[in-house]
N, C-alpha and C. Protein backbone atom coordinates (compact mmCIF):
# COMPACT_ATOMS: atom_id res chain seq x y z
N UNK A 1 -14.54 -6.84 -4.31
CA UNK A 1 -13.10 -6.03 -4.77
C UNK A 1 -11.58 -6.42 -5.19
N UNK A 2 -11.39 -5.65 -6.25
CA UNK A 2 -10.19 -6.44 -6.39
C UNK A 2 -8.62 -5.99 -5.56
N UNK A 3 -8.02 -6.30 -5.62
CA UNK A 3 -6.96 -6.97 -4.14
C UNK A 3 -6.10 -5.42 -4.84
N UNK A 4 -5.81 -4.86 -5.74
CA UNK A 4 -5.16 -3.93 -6.00
C UNK A 4 -5.76 -2.95 -5.49
N UNK A 5 -7.08 -2.57 -5.28
CA UNK A 5 -7.50 -1.51 -5.21
C UNK A 5 -7.64 -1.55 -3.56
N UNK A 6 -8.03 -2.31 -3.39
CA UNK A 6 -8.08 -2.81 -1.41
C UNK A 6 -6.88 -2.45 -0.40
N UNK A 7 -5.53 -3.09 -1.14
CA UNK A 7 -4.61 -2.56 -0.88
C UNK A 7 -4.33 -1.19 -1.07
N UNK A 8 -4.92 -0.45 -2.36
CA UNK A 8 -4.24 1.42 -2.60
C UNK A 8 -5.24 1.66 -1.19
N UNK A 9 -6.24 1.44 -1.27
CA UNK A 9 -7.32 1.90 -0.70
C UNK A 9 -6.77 1.57 1.20
N UNK A 10 -5.99 0.60 1.42
CA UNK A 10 -5.16 0.60 2.69
C UNK A 10 -4.14 1.44 3.23
N UNK A 11 -3.36 1.58 2.07
CA UNK A 11 -2.27 2.50 2.04
C UNK A 11 -2.65 3.99 2.75
N UNK A 12 -3.76 4.32 1.45
CA UNK A 12 -4.56 5.52 1.77
C UNK A 12 -4.82 6.51 3.45
N UNK A 13 -5.54 5.17 3.47
CA UNK A 13 -6.52 5.25 4.64
C UNK A 13 -4.58 5.47 6.24
N UNK A 14 -4.30 4.63 6.02
CA UNK A 14 -2.85 4.05 6.72
C UNK A 14 -2.05 5.62 6.85
N UNK A 15 -2.22 6.04 5.12
CA UNK A 15 -0.83 7.01 5.00
C UNK A 15 -2.38 8.84 5.47
N UNK A 16 -3.08 8.16 5.70
CA UNK A 16 -3.64 9.85 6.07
C UNK A 16 -3.89 10.02 8.01
N UNK A 17 -3.98 8.37 8.35
CA UNK A 17 -4.14 8.75 9.64
C UNK A 17 -2.68 9.37 10.20
N UNK A 18 -0.96 8.76 9.83
CA UNK A 18 -0.44 9.35 9.98
C UNK A 18 -0.19 10.75 9.32
N UNK A 19 -1.00 11.79 9.00
CA UNK A 19 -1.06 12.98 8.35
C UNK A 19 0.99 12.96 7.26
N UNK A 20 1.03 11.61 6.39
CA UNK A 20 2.02 11.24 5.64
C UNK A 20 1.68 12.33 3.92
N UNK A 21 2.52 13.16 3.66
CA UNK A 21 2.73 13.36 1.99
C UNK A 21 2.62 12.31 1.27
N UNK A 22 2.89 11.78 0.09
CA UNK A 22 3.02 10.82 -0.89
C UNK A 22 5.19 10.98 -0.96
N UNK A 23 5.44 11.78 -0.43
CA UNK A 23 6.59 12.29 -0.81
C UNK A 23 7.41 11.72 0.45
N UNK A 24 6.70 11.87 1.85
CA UNK A 24 7.04 11.19 3.07
C UNK A 24 6.86 10.08 2.96
N UNK A 25 6.04 9.11 2.31
CA UNK A 25 5.66 8.05 2.51
C UNK A 25 7.04 7.23 1.93
N UNK A 26 7.41 7.85 0.67
CA UNK A 26 8.01 7.07 -0.55
C UNK A 26 9.24 7.50 0.44
N UNK A 27 9.81 8.87 0.91
CA UNK A 27 11.53 8.84 1.16
C UNK A 27 11.58 7.82 2.23
N UNK A 28 10.51 8.14 3.52
CA UNK A 28 10.96 7.19 4.40
C UNK A 28 10.77 5.75 4.36
N UNK A 29 10.57 5.07 3.36
CA UNK A 29 10.15 3.65 2.82
C UNK A 29 11.07 3.60 1.48
N UNK A 30 12.06 4.65 1.43
CA UNK A 30 13.00 3.72 0.64
C UNK A 30 12.08 4.08 -1.04
N UNK A 31 11.29 4.62 -1.40
CA UNK A 31 10.88 4.28 -2.65
C UNK A 31 10.62 5.37 -3.24
N UNK A 32 10.24 5.03 -4.83
CA UNK A 32 10.33 5.98 -5.30
C UNK A 32 8.68 6.97 -4.94
N UNK A 33 8.93 8.46 -5.43
CA UNK A 33 7.20 8.58 -5.40
C UNK A 33 6.49 8.29 -6.89
N UNK A 34 6.59 8.43 -7.61
CA UNK A 34 6.21 8.07 -8.90
C UNK A 34 5.89 6.48 -8.26
N UNK A 35 6.20 5.24 -7.63
CA UNK A 35 6.12 4.17 -7.56
C UNK A 35 4.92 4.13 -6.60
N UNK A 36 5.18 4.91 -5.56
CA UNK A 36 4.11 5.38 -4.74
C UNK A 36 2.52 5.22 -4.99
N UNK A 37 2.81 6.65 -6.51
CA UNK A 37 2.14 6.99 -7.37
C UNK A 37 1.14 6.03 -8.03
N UNK A 38 1.83 5.38 -8.41
CA UNK A 38 1.12 3.70 -9.46
C UNK A 38 0.25 2.87 -8.57
N UNK A 39 1.04 2.92 -6.96
CA UNK A 39 0.24 2.12 -5.83
C UNK A 39 -0.98 2.31 -5.56
N UNK A 40 -0.63 3.81 -5.79
CA UNK A 40 -2.12 4.30 -4.93
C UNK A 40 -3.39 4.35 -6.13
N UNK A 41 -3.32 4.38 -7.49
CA UNK A 41 -3.71 4.30 -8.04
C UNK A 41 -4.53 2.66 -8.01
N UNK A 42 -3.88 1.88 -7.46
CA UNK A 42 -4.64 1.08 -7.22
C UNK A 42 -5.12 -0.34 -8.75
N UNK A 43 -4.15 -0.29 -9.85
CA UNK A 43 -4.95 -0.31 -11.30
C UNK A 43 -3.83 -1.24 -12.04
N UNK A 44 -2.57 -1.52 -10.79
CA UNK A 44 -1.22 -2.11 -11.12
C UNK A 44 -0.94 -3.25 -10.31
N UNK A 45 -0.28 -4.65 -10.10
CA UNK A 45 0.37 -5.36 -9.27
C UNK A 45 1.23 -4.71 -8.97
N UNK A 46 1.26 -4.69 -7.43
CA UNK A 46 2.47 -4.29 -6.97
C UNK A 46 3.63 -5.25 -6.53
N UNK A 47 5.12 -5.31 -6.06
CA UNK A 47 5.99 -6.06 -5.52
C UNK A 47 5.98 -6.01 -4.06
N UNK A 48 5.87 -7.49 -3.08
CA UNK A 48 5.84 -7.72 -1.76
C UNK A 48 6.56 -6.45 -1.46
N UNK A 49 8.01 -6.37 -2.43
CA UNK A 49 8.64 -5.35 -1.20
C UNK A 49 8.47 -4.51 -1.40
N UNK A 50 7.39 -3.69 -2.23
CA UNK A 50 6.93 -2.14 -2.30
C UNK A 50 6.00 -2.31 -1.10
N UNK A 51 5.00 -2.94 -0.92
CA UNK A 51 4.47 -3.03 0.53
C UNK A 51 5.36 -3.18 1.58
N UNK A 52 5.80 -4.33 2.16
CA UNK A 52 7.06 -4.06 2.88
C UNK A 52 8.10 -2.41 2.95
N UNK A 53 8.62 -1.91 2.19
CA UNK A 53 8.71 -0.27 2.17
C UNK A 53 7.57 0.57 2.89
N UNK A 54 6.25 0.13 2.34
CA UNK A 54 5.41 1.20 2.83
C UNK A 54 4.87 1.02 4.53
N UNK A 55 5.06 -0.56 4.89
CA UNK A 55 4.93 -0.75 6.34
C UNK A 55 5.65 -0.31 6.52
N UNK A 56 7.14 -0.06 6.29
CA UNK A 56 8.75 0.52 6.94
C UNK A 56 8.10 1.65 7.19
N UNK A 57 7.74 2.28 6.20
CA UNK A 57 7.11 4.24 6.41
C UNK A 57 6.40 3.90 7.42
N UNK A 58 5.42 3.56 7.65
CA UNK A 58 4.11 3.74 8.70
C UNK A 58 4.78 2.71 9.59
N UNK A 59 5.53 2.71 9.84
CA UNK A 59 5.94 2.22 11.31
C UNK A 59 5.35 0.74 11.37
N UNK A 60 4.65 -0.34 10.97
CA UNK A 60 3.68 -1.13 11.07
C UNK A 60 4.24 -2.55 10.69
N UNK A 61 3.58 -3.46 10.64
CA UNK A 61 4.24 -4.89 10.75
C UNK A 61 3.15 -5.22 9.29
N UNK A 62 3.55 -6.33 8.18
CA UNK A 62 2.57 -6.29 7.39
C UNK A 62 1.30 -7.33 7.57
N UNK A 63 1.35 -8.30 9.23
CA UNK A 63 0.24 -8.17 9.74
C UNK A 63 -0.59 -7.51 9.88
N UNK A 64 -0.07 -6.53 10.58
CA UNK A 64 -1.05 -5.24 11.17
C UNK A 64 -1.30 -4.30 9.60
N UNK A 65 -0.63 -4.23 8.61
CA UNK A 65 -0.97 -3.82 7.14
C UNK A 65 -2.64 -4.58 6.92
N UNK A 66 -2.34 -6.09 6.68
CA UNK A 66 -3.43 -6.94 6.05
C UNK A 66 -4.03 -7.28 7.13
N UNK A 67 -4.45 -6.03 8.44
CA UNK A 67 -5.12 -7.18 9.33
C UNK A 67 -6.77 -6.54 9.13
N UNK A 68 -6.88 -5.79 8.10
CA UNK A 68 -8.54 -5.23 8.18
C UNK A 68 -9.00 -6.06 6.33
N UNK A 69 -8.16 -6.78 6.27
CA UNK A 69 -8.65 -7.83 4.74
C UNK A 69 -9.53 -9.02 5.51
N UNK A 70 -10.43 -9.10 5.40
CA UNK A 70 -11.19 -10.51 5.83
C UNK A 70 -11.72 -10.83 5.11
N UNK A 71 -12.19 -10.63 3.76
CA UNK A 71 -12.90 -10.76 2.82
C UNK A 71 -11.55 -12.06 1.65
N UNK A 72 -11.88 -12.98 1.27
CA UNK A 72 -10.66 -13.25 -0.10
C UNK A 72 -10.85 -12.32 -1.06
N UNK A 73 -10.14 -11.85 -1.83
CA UNK A 73 -9.58 -11.05 -2.43
C UNK A 73 -10.14 -11.53 -3.60
N UNK A 74 -10.95 -11.03 -5.04
CA UNK A 74 -10.61 -11.11 -6.16
C UNK A 74 -9.47 -11.35 -7.06
N UNK A 75 -8.71 -12.16 -7.53
CA UNK A 75 -8.16 -12.35 -8.16
C UNK A 75 -8.64 -12.32 -10.01
N UNK A 76 -7.45 -11.55 -10.57
CA UNK A 76 -7.73 -11.65 -11.66
C UNK A 76 -7.45 -12.20 -13.10
N UNK A 77 -8.07 -13.17 -13.81
CA UNK A 77 -7.78 -14.28 -14.53
C UNK A 77 -7.13 -14.03 -16.05
N UNK A 78 -5.70 -14.52 -15.97
CA UNK A 78 -4.96 -14.08 -17.19
C UNK A 78 -4.77 -15.55 -18.54
């Protein structure tokens, strides 16, 4: 699976677990709603700072966020 899609799926999973709207997730992480929308599409690369903001919003560490990533992800070659 593509790493961007895997990250998007993880964010959706955690967002649903916390029962957060996209707006609240963005607000709590000091991110834009449109930025969250792009991330959730899983079609583009995201900055680590965006993932850090999402983790802050979800009140979890980066280690916890990536704890379910057990396979080596596919990386698109350019």
